[in-house]
PDB file of N, CA and C in Angstrom:
ATOM      1  N   UNK A   1       0.674  -0.645  -0.097  1.00  0.00           N
ATOM      2  CA  UNK A   1       0.030  -0.154   0.065  1.00  0.00           C
ATOM      3  C   UNK A   1       1.084   1.570  -0.132  1.00  0.00           C
ATOM      4  N   UNK A   2       0.330   2.380  -1.019  1.00  0.00           N
ATOM      5  CA  UNK A   2       1.512   3.480  -1.227  1.00  0.00           C
ATOM      6  C   UNK A   2       1.054   4.821  -0.682  1.00  0.00           C
ATOM      7  N   UNK A   3       1.225   5.208   0.636  1.00  0.00           N
ATOM      8  CA  UNK A   3       0.344   6.321   0.433  1.00  0.00           C
ATOM      9  C   UNK A   3       1.092   7.493   0.282  1.00  0.00           C
ATOM     10  N   UNK A   4       0.103   8.472  -0.160  1.00  0.00           N
ATOM     11  CA  UNK A   4       1.005   9.732  -1.043  1.00  0.00           C
ATOM     12  C   UNK A   4      -0.312  10.805  -1.063  1.00  0.00           C
ATOM     13  N   UNK A   5       0.910  12.064  -1.566  1.00  0.00           N
ATOM     14  CA  UNK A   5       0.281  13.542  -0.897  1.00  0.00           C
ATOM     15  C   UNK A   5      -0.430  13.876  -2.529  1.00  0.00           C
ATOM     16  N   UNK A   6      -1.961  14.740  -1.918  1.00  0.00           N
ATOM     17  CA  UNK A   6      -2.012  15.457  -3.731  1.00  0.00           C
ATOM     18  C   UNK A   6      -1.399  15.894  -4.536  1.00  0.00           C
ATOM     19  N   UNK A   7      -0.398  16.872  -3.932  1.00  0.00           N
ATOM     20  CA  UNK A   7       0.632  17.238  -4.603  1.00  0.00           C
ATOM     21  C   UNK A   7       1.380  16.346  -6.127  1.00  0.00           C
ATOM     22  N   UNK A   8       1.727  15.232  -5.120  1.00  0.00           N
ATOM     23  CA  UNK A   8       2.509  14.091  -5.422  1.00  0.00           C
ATOM     24  C   UNK A   8       1.668  13.247  -6.245  1.00  0.00           C
ATOM     25  N   UNK A   9       0.292  13.214  -6.042  1.00  0.00           N
ATOM     26  CA  UNK A   9      -0.588  12.908  -7.263  1.00  0.00           C
ATOM     27  C   UNK A   9      -0.755  13.078  -8.549  1.00  0.00           C
ATOM     28  N   UNK A  10      -0.642  14.580  -8.337  1.00  0.00           N
ATOM     29  CA  UNK A  10      -0.659  15.444  -8.840  1.00  0.00           C
ATOM     30  C   UNK A  10       0.468  15.760 -10.568  1.00  0.00           C
ATOM     31  N   UNK A  11       1.834  15.831  -9.798  1.00  0.00           N
ATOM     32  CA  UNK A  11       2.554  15.004 -10.588  1.00  0.00           C
ATOM     33  C   UNK A  11       2.458  14.237 -11.409  1.00  0.00           C
ATOM     34  N   UNK A  12       1.721  13.105 -10.561  1.00  0.00           N
ATOM     35  CA  UNK A  12       2.325  11.780 -10.973  1.00  0.00           C
ATOM     36  C   UNK A  12       1.499  10.418 -11.408  1.00  0.00           C
ATOM     37  N   UNK A  13       0.218  11.792 -12.284  1.00  0.00           N
ATOM     38  CA  UNK A  13      -1.021  10.960 -11.888  1.00  0.00           C
ATOM     39  C   UNK A  13      -0.744   9.291 -12.823  1.00  0.00           C
ATOM     40  N   UNK A  14      -0.040   9.528 -13.824  1.00  0.00           N
ATOM     41  CA  UNK A  14      -0.417   8.373 -15.087  1.00  0.00           C
ATOM     42  C   UNK A  14       0.685   6.762 -14.295  1.00  0.00           C
ATOM     43  N   UNK A  15       1.295   7.662 -13.636  1.00  0.00           N
ATOM     44  CA  UNK A  15       2.276   6.563 -12.651  1.00  0.00           C
ATOM     45  C   UNK A  15       1.269   6.109 -11.683  1.00  0.00           C
ATOM     46  N   UNK A  16       0.843   6.351 -10.823  1.00  0.00           N
ATOM     47  CA  UNK A  16      -0.073   5.918  -9.868  1.00  0.00           C
ATOM     48  C   UNK A  16      -1.535   5.085  -9.685  1.00  0.00           C
ATOM     49  N   UNK A  17      -2.035   5.978 -11.257  1.00  0.00           N
ATOM     50  CA  UNK A  17      -2.909   5.309 -11.920  1.00  0.00           C
ATOM     51  C   UNK A  17      -2.913   3.681 -12.807  1.00  0.00           C
ATOM     52  N   UNK A  18      -1.691   3.693 -13.404  1.00  0.00           N
ATOM     53  CA  UNK A  18      -0.744   2.711 -13.666  1.00  0.00           C
ATOM     54  C   UNK A  18      -0.916   1.592 -12.537  1.00  0.00           C
ATOM     55  N   UNK A  19      -0.426   1.766 -11.499  1.00  0.00           N
ATOM     56  CA  UNK A  19       0.092   1.242 -10.552  1.00  0.00           C
ATOM     57  C   UNK A  19      -1.385   0.246  -9.732  1.00  0.00           C
ATOM     58  N   UNK A  20      -2.586   1.400 -10.289  1.00  0.00           N
ATOM     59  CA  UNK A  20      -3.330   0.690  -9.546  1.00  0.00           C
ATOM     60  C   UNK A  20      -4.284   0.084 -10.295  1.00  0.00           C
ATOM     61  N   UNK A  21      -4.110  -0.102 -11.469  1.00  0.00           N
ATOM     62  CA  UNK A  21      -4.457  -0.364 -12.338  1.00  0.00           C
ATOM     63  C   UNK A  21      -3.766  -2.241 -12.332  1.00  0.00           C
ATOM     64  N   UNK A  22      -2.867  -2.217 -12.119  1.00  0.00           N
ATOM     65  CA  UNK A  22      -2.015  -3.283 -12.041  1.00  0.00           C
ATOM     66  C   UNK A  22      -2.080  -4.531 -10.472  1.00  0.00           C
ATOM     67  N   UNK A  23      -2.900  -3.849  -9.363  1.00  0.00           N
ATOM     68  CA  UNK A  23      -3.700  -4.116  -8.402  1.00  0.00           C
ATOM     69  C   UNK A  23      -2.885  -3.428  -7.311  1.00  0.00           C
ATOM     70  N   UNK A  24      -1.657  -2.572  -7.065  1.00  0.00           N
ATOM     71  CA  UNK A  24      -1.283  -2.074  -6.043  1.00  0.00           C
ATOM     72  C   UNK A  24      -2.208  -1.463  -5.380  1.00  0.00           C
ATOM     73  N   UNK A  25      -2.340  -1.465  -4.129  1.00  0.00           N
ATOM     74  CA  UNK A  25      -2.907   0.058  -3.236  1.00  0.00           C
ATOM     75  C   UNK A  25      -2.439   1.293  -2.914  1.00  0.00           C
ATOM     76  N   UNK A  26      -3.296   2.396  -3.380  1.00  0.00           N
ATOM     77  CA  UNK A  26      -2.629   3.370  -3.432  1.00  0.00           C
ATOM     78  C   UNK A  26      -3.556   4.368  -2.322  1.00  0.00           C
ATOM     79  N   UNK A  27      -2.969   4.659  -2.175  1.00  0.00           N
ATOM     80  CA  UNK A  27      -3.761   5.755  -0.796  1.00  0.00           C
ATOM     81  C   UNK A  27      -3.682   7.312  -1.230  1.00  0.00           C
ATOM     82  N   UNK A  28      -4.249   8.342  -1.021  1.00  0.00           N
ATOM     83  CA  UNK A  28      -4.323   9.553  -2.055  1.00  0.00           C
ATOM     84  C   UNK A  28      -5.154  10.123  -0.481  1.00  0.00           C
ATOM     85  N   UNK A  29      -3.915  10.653   0.296  1.00  0.00           N
ATOM     86  CA  UNK A  29      -4.091  11.693   1.744  1.00  0.00           C
ATOM     87  C   UNK A  29      -3.638  13.356   1.686  1.00  0.00           C
ATOM     88  N   UNK A  30      -5.449  13.897   1.823  1.00  0.00           N
ATOM     89  CA  UNK A  30      -5.102  15.310   1.930  1.00  0.00           C
ATOM     90  C   UNK A  30      -5.691  15.933   3.075  1.00  0.00           C
ATOM     91  N   UNK A  31      -4.802  17.016   3.329  1.00  0.00           N
ATOM     92  CA  UNK A  31      -4.944  17.867   4.924  1.00  0.00           C
ATOM     93  C   UNK A  31      -5.871  17.969   4.953  1.00  0.00           C
ATOM     94  N   UNK A  32      -6.977  18.397   4.058  1.00  0.00           N
ATOM     95  CA  UNK A  32      -8.569  19.241   4.726  1.00  0.00           C
ATOM     96  C   UNK A  32      -9.814  17.366   4.145  1.00  0.00           C
ATOM     97  N   UNK A  33      -9.855  17.419   4.010  1.00  0.00           N
ATOM     98  CA  UNK A  33     -10.799  16.032   3.109  1.00  0.00           C
ATOM     99  C   UNK A  33     -10.484  14.461   3.760  1.00  0.00           C
ATOM    100  N   UNK A  34      -9.349  14.607   4.270  1.00  0.00           N
ATOM    101  CA  UNK A  34      -9.071  13.461   4.483  1.00  0.00           C
ATOM    102  C   UNK A  34      -8.525  11.987   3.530  1.00  0.00           C
ATOM    103  N   UNK A  35      -8.597  10.660   3.732  1.00  0.00           N
ATOM    104  CA  UNK A  35      -7.928  10.035   2.604  1.00  0.00           C
ATOM    105  C   UNK A  35      -9.053   9.141   1.832  1.00  0.00           C
ATOM    106  N   UNK A  36      -8.658   8.834   0.227  1.00  0.00           N
ATOM    107  CA  UNK A  36      -9.515   8.665  -0.361  1.00  0.00           C
ATOM    108  C   UNK A  36      -8.397   7.312  -1.075  1.00  0.00           C
ATOM    109  N   UNK A  37      -9.403   6.148  -1.425  1.00  0.00           N
ATOM    110  CA  UNK A  37      -8.283   4.394  -1.523  1.00  0.00           C
ATOM    111  C   UNK A  37      -8.686   4.644  -3.373  1.00  0.00           C
ATOM    112  N   UNK A  38      -7.537   4.439  -3.655  1.00  0.00           N
ATOM    113  CA  UNK A  38      -7.516   4.720  -5.598  1.00  0.00           C
ATOM    114  C   UNK A  38      -7.383   3.372  -6.345  1.00  0.00           C
ATOM    115  N   UNK A  39      -8.582   2.919  -6.520  1.00  0.00           N
ATOM    116  CA  UNK A  39      -9.182   1.704  -6.947  1.00  0.00           C
ATOM    117  C   UNK A  39      -9.644   1.761  -8.657  1.00  0.00           C
ATOM    118  N   UNK A  40      -9.131   0.573  -9.681  1.00  0.00           N
ATOM    119  CA  UNK A  40      -9.686   0.732 -10.463  1.00  0.00           C
ATOM    120  C   UNK A  40     -11.223   0.198 -10.850  1.00  0.00           C
ATOM    121  N   UNK A  41     -12.580  -0.004 -11.921  1.00  0.00           N
ATOM    122  CA  UNK A  41     -13.345   0.345 -11.351  1.00  0.00           C
ATOM    123  C   UNK A  41     -13.327  -1.442 -12.624  1.00  0.00           C
ATOM    124  N   UNK A  42     -14.686  -2.677 -12.335  1.00  0.00           N
ATOM    125  CA  UNK A  42     -13.953  -3.311 -13.226  1.00  0.00           C
ATOM    126  C   UNK A  42     -15.956  -3.670 -13.129  1.00  0.00           C
ATOM    127  N   UNK A  43     -15.769  -4.561 -14.627  1.00  0.00           N
ATOM    128  CA  UNK A  43     -16.908  -4.692 -15.398  1.00  0.00           C
ATOM    129  C   UNK A  43     -17.960  -5.145 -14.064  1.00  0.00           C
ATOM    130  N   UNK A  44     -17.720  -5.008 -13.161  1.00  0.00           N
ATOM    131  CA  UNK A  44     -19.288  -5.661 -11.900  1.00  0.00           C
ATOM    132  C   UNK A  44     -19.612  -3.976 -11.251  1.00  0.00           C
ATOM    133  N   UNK A  45     -18.775  -3.038 -11.474  1.00  0.00           N
ATOM    134  CA  UNK A  45     -19.165  -1.723 -10.552  1.00  0.00           C
ATOM    135  C   UNK A  45     -19.980  -0.726 -12.315  1.00  0.00           C
ATOM    136  N   UNK A  46     -20.654  -0.237 -11.659  1.00  0.00           N
ATOM    137  CA  UNK A  46     -21.892   0.607 -12.017  1.00  0.00           C
ATOM    138  C   UNK A  46     -21.299   1.919 -11.657  1.00  0.00           C
ATOM    139  N   UNK A  47     -21.523   2.850 -13.165  1.00  0.00           N
ATOM    140  CA  UNK A  47     -21.759   3.963 -12.911  1.00  0.00           C
ATOM    141  C   UNK A  47     -22.610   4.650 -13.596  1.00  0.00           C
ATOM    142  N   UNK A  48     -23.689   5.460 -13.189  1.00  0.00           N
ATOM    143  CA  UNK A  48     -24.150   5.604 -14.067  1.00  0.00           C
ATOM    144  C   UNK A  48     -25.399   7.089 -12.961  1.00  0.00           C
ATOM    145  N   UNK A  49     -26.211   7.930 -13.435  1.00  0.00           N
ATOM    146  CA  UNK A  49     -26.259   8.782 -13.329  1.00  0.00           C
ATOM    147  C   UNK A  49     -28.169   8.362 -11.928  1.00  0.00           C
ATOM    148  N   UNK A  50     -28.790   9.413 -10.990  1.00  0.00           N
ATOM    149  CA  UNK A  50     -30.154   8.731 -10.797  1.00  0.00           C
ATOM    150  C   UNK A  50     -30.890   8.844 -11.176  1.00  0.00           C
ATOM    151  N   UNK A  51     -31.126  10.115 -12.413  1.00  0.00           N
ATOM    152  CA  UNK A  51     -31.843   9.428 -13.895  1.00  0.00           C
ATOM    153  C   UNK A  51     -31.844   8.187 -14.745  1.00  0.00           C
ATOM    154  N   UNK A  52     -30.637   8.263 -15.401  1.00  0.00           N
ATOM    155  CA  UNK A  52     -30.603   7.171 -15.523  1.00  0.00           C
ATOM    156  C   UNK A  52     -30.765   5.549 -14.801  1.00  0.00           C
ATOM    157  N   UNK A  53     -30.363   5.409 -13.360  1.00  0.00           N
ATOM    158  CA  UNK A  53     -31.185   4.736 -12.666  1.00  0.00           C
ATOM    159  C   UNK A  53     -32.844   4.395 -12.505  1.00  0.00           C
ATOM    160  N   UNK A  54     -33.522   5.184 -12.525  1.00  0.00           N
ATOM    161  CA  UNK A  54     -34.608   5.636 -12.374  1.00  0.00           C
ATOM    162  C   UNK A  54     -35.592   5.146 -13.446  1.00  0.00           C
ATOM    163  N   UNK A  55     -34.262   5.914 -14.477  1.00  0.00           N
ATOM    164  CA  UNK A  55     -35.308   5.325 -16.304  1.00  0.00           C
ATOM    165  C   UNK A  55     -34.694   4.092 -16.289  1.00  0.00           C
ATOM    166  N   UNK A  56     -34.040   3.057 -15.816  1.00  0.00           N
ATOM    167  CA  UNK A  56     -33.708   1.920 -16.157  1.00  0.00           C
ATOM    168  C   UNK A  56     -35.417   1.322 -15.271  1.00  0.00           C
ATOM    169  N   UNK A  57     -35.300   1.920 -14.030  1.00  0.00           N
ATOM    170  CA  UNK A  57     -36.564   1.059 -12.848  1.00  0.00           C
ATOM    171  C   UNK A  57     -37.866   1.239 -13.788  1.00  0.00           C
ATOM    172  N   UNK A  58     -38.083   2.183 -14.093  1.00  0.00           N
ATOM    173  CA  UNK A  58     -39.236   2.575 -14.844  1.00  0.00           C
ATOM    174  C   UNK A  58     -39.472   1.354 -16.632  1.00  0.00           C
ATOM    175  N   UNK A  59     -38.428   1.245 -16.830  1.00  0.00           N
ATOM    176  CA  UNK A  59     -37.962   0.425 -17.886  1.00  0.00           C
ATOM    177  C   UNK A  59     -38.369  -0.890 -17.308  1.00  0.00           C
ATOM    178  N   UNK A  60     -37.974  -1.469 -16.408  1.00  0.00           N
ATOM    179  CA  UNK A  60     -37.573  -3.102 -15.824  1.00  0.00           C
ATOM    180  C   UNK A  60     -39.484  -2.742 -15.464  1.00  0.00           C
ATOM    181  N   UNK A  61     -39.968  -2.458 -14.980  1.00  0.00           N
ATOM    182  CA  UNK A  61     -41.167  -2.176 -14.595  1.00  0.00           C
ATOM    183  C   UNK A  61     -42.204  -2.217 -16.166  1.00  0.00           C
ATOM    184  N   UNK A  62     -41.784  -1.625 -16.683  1.00  0.00           N
ATOM    185  CA  UNK A  62     -42.826  -1.214 -17.492  1.00  0.00           C
ATOM    186  C   UNK A  62     -43.039  -2.971 -18.551  1.00  0.00           C
ATOM    187  N   UNK A  63     -41.160  -4.043 -18.614  1.00  0.00           N
ATOM    188  CA  UNK A  63     -41.622  -4.827 -18.950  1.00  0.00           C
ATOM    189  C   UNK A  63     -41.903  -5.781 -17.929  1.00  0.00           C
ATOM    190  N   UNK A  64     -42.145  -5.927 -17.111  1.00  0.00           N
ATOM    191  CA  UNK A  64     -42.801  -6.588 -15.886  1.00  0.00           C
ATOM    192  C   UNK A  64     -44.521  -6.737 -16.224  1.00  0.00           C
ATOM    193  N   UNK A  65     -44.746  -5.380 -16.144  1.00  0.00           N
ATOM    194  CA  UNK A  65     -46.365  -5.015 -16.904  1.00  0.00           C
ATOM    195  C   UNK A  65     -46.441  -5.452 -18.528  1.00  0.00           C
ATOM    196  N   UNK A  66     -45.496  -5.695 -18.992  1.00  0.00           N
ATOM    197  CA  UNK A  66     -45.695  -6.434 -20.319  1.00  0.00           C
ATOM    198  C   UNK A  66     -45.097  -8.455 -20.462  1.00  0.00           C
ATOM    199  N   UNK A  67     -45.310  -8.700 -19.622  1.00  0.00           N
ATOM    200  CA  UNK A  67     -45.320 -10.317 -18.659  1.00  0.00           C
ATOM    201  C   UNK A  67     -43.745 -10.220 -19.549  1.00  0.00           C
ATOM    202  N   UNK A  68     -42.394  -9.742 -19.714  1.00  0.00           N
ATOM    203  CA  UNK A  68     -41.517  -9.436 -19.831  1.00  0.00           C
ATOM    204  C   UNK A  68     -40.828  -9.849 -19.150  1.00  0.00           C
ATOM    205  N   UNK A  69     -40.265 -11.020 -18.261  1.00  0.00           N
ATOM    206  CA  UNK A  69     -40.070 -11.534 -17.218  1.00  0.00           C
ATOM    207  C   UNK A  69     -39.078 -12.822 -16.976  1.00  0.00           C
ATOM    208  N   UNK A  70     -38.197 -13.502 -16.051  1.00  0.00           N
ATOM    209  CA  UNK A  70     -38.118 -14.701 -15.820  1.00  0.00           C
ATOM    210  C   UNK A  70     -37.962 -14.310 -14.152  1.00  0.00           C
ATOM    211  N   UNK A  71     -39.536 -15.443 -13.644  1.00  0.00           N
ATOM    212  CA  UNK A  71     -39.614 -15.205 -12.507  1.00  0.00           C
ATOM    213  C   UNK A  71     -38.636 -16.719 -11.798  1.00  0.00           C
ATOM    214  N   UNK A  72     -37.740 -16.270 -10.967  1.00  0.00           N
ATOM    215  CA  UNK A  72     -36.765 -17.547 -10.280  1.00  0.00           C
ATOM    216  C   UNK A  72     -37.384 -17.270  -8.846  1.00  0.00           C
ATOM    217  N   UNK A  73     -37.585 -18.367  -8.080  1.00  0.00           N
ATOM    218  CA  UNK A  73     -37.604 -19.266  -6.884  1.00  0.00           C
ATOM    219  C   UNK A  73     -36.724 -19.362  -5.602  1.00  0.00           C
ATOM    220  N   UNK A  74     -35.557 -19.714  -6.240  1.00  0.00           N
ATOM    221  CA  UNK A  74     -34.942 -20.969  -5.570  1.00  0.00           C
ATOM    222  C   UNK A  74     -33.680 -19.583  -5.804  1.00  0.00           C
ATOM    223  N   UNK A  75     -32.037 -19.813  -4.532  1.00  0.00           N
ATOM    224  CA  UNK A  75     -30.586 -19.934  -5.018  1.00  0.00           C
ATOM    225  C   UNK A  75     -30.344 -19.923  -6.675  1.00  0.00           C
ATOM    226  N   UNK A  76     -30.668 -22.163  -6.358  1.00  0.00           N
ATOM    227  CA  UNK A  76     -30.693 -22.363  -8.012  1.00  0.00           C
ATOM    228  C   UNK A  76     -30.717 -22.261  -8.872  1.00  0.00           C
ATOM    229  N   UNK A  77     -31.885 -21.914  -8.800  1.00  0.00           N
ATOM    230  CA  UNK A  77     -32.614 -20.919 -10.333  1.00  0.00           C
ATOM    231  C   UNK A  77     -31.987 -20.242 -10.598  1.00  0.00           C
ATOM    232  N   UNK A  78     -31.783 -18.988  -9.966  1.00  0.00           N
ATOM    233  CA  UNK A  78     -30.741 -17.511  -9.671  1.00  0.00           C
ATOM    234  C   UNK A  78     -29.839 -17.894 -10.651  1.00  0.00           C
ATOM    235  N   UNK A  79     -28.575 -18.953  -9.315  1.00  0.00           N
ATOM    236  CA  UNK A  79     -27.859 -19.102 -10.587  1.00  0.00           C
ATOM    237  C   UNK A  79     -27.545 -19.837 -11.797  1.00  0.00           C
ATOM    238  N   UNK A  80     -28.602 -20.929 -11.900  1.00  0.00           N
ATOM    239  CA  UNK A  80     -28.712 -20.894 -13.324  1.00  0.00           C
ATOM    240  C   UNK A  80     -28.908 -20.476 -14.176  1.00  0.00           C
ATOM    241  N   UNK A  81     -29.584 -18.862 -13.927  1.00  0.00           N
ATOM    242  CA  UNK A  81     -30.126 -17.571 -14.593  1.00  0.00           C
ATOM    243  C   UNK A  81     -29.269 -17.082 -15.079  1.00  0.00           C
ATOM    244  N   UNK A  82     -28.433 -17.198 -13.915  1.00  0.00           N
ATOM    245  CA  UNK A  82     -26.869 -15.632 -14.167  1.00  0.00           C
ATOM    246  C   UNK A  82     -26.243 -17.104 -15.467  1.00  0.00           C
ATOM    247  N   UNK A  83     -26.036 -17.968 -15.024  1.00  0.00           N
ATOM    248  CA  UNK A  83     -24.376 -18.184 -15.612  1.00  0.00           C
ATOM    249  C   UNK A  83     -25.448 -18.533 -17.251  1.00  0.00           C
ATOM    250  N   UNK A  84     -26.583 -18.719 -17.324  1.00  0.00           N
ATOM    251  CA  UNK A  84     -26.961 -18.861 -18.768  1.00  0.00           C
ATOM    252  C   UNK A  84     -26.995 -17.265 -19.853  1.00  0.00           C
ATOM    253  N   UNK A  85     -26.180 -16.036 -18.607  1.00  0.00           N
ATOM    254  CA  UNK A  85     -26.210 -14.969 -19.335  1.00  0.00           C
ATOM    255  C   UNK A  85     -24.876 -14.624 -19.990  1.00  0.00           C
TER     256      UNK A  85
END
């Protein structure tokens, strides 16, 4: 784990982002805002706006109303469904 200052980060952004991308722990320490862990996003991470989130919820509700869904009742059914995706 490497702890760096904001000044060092600004001067060497590419270096530290590259290290984080390779799995090295990077902690960015500030005087007034605290500390932050720099980690790369993975395919499991999702970034979306609040508007996008609610648009997707509305779309899912519409699909349910139209009968376009797959019901699962057990963990095994859910696992099988997700593996088939």
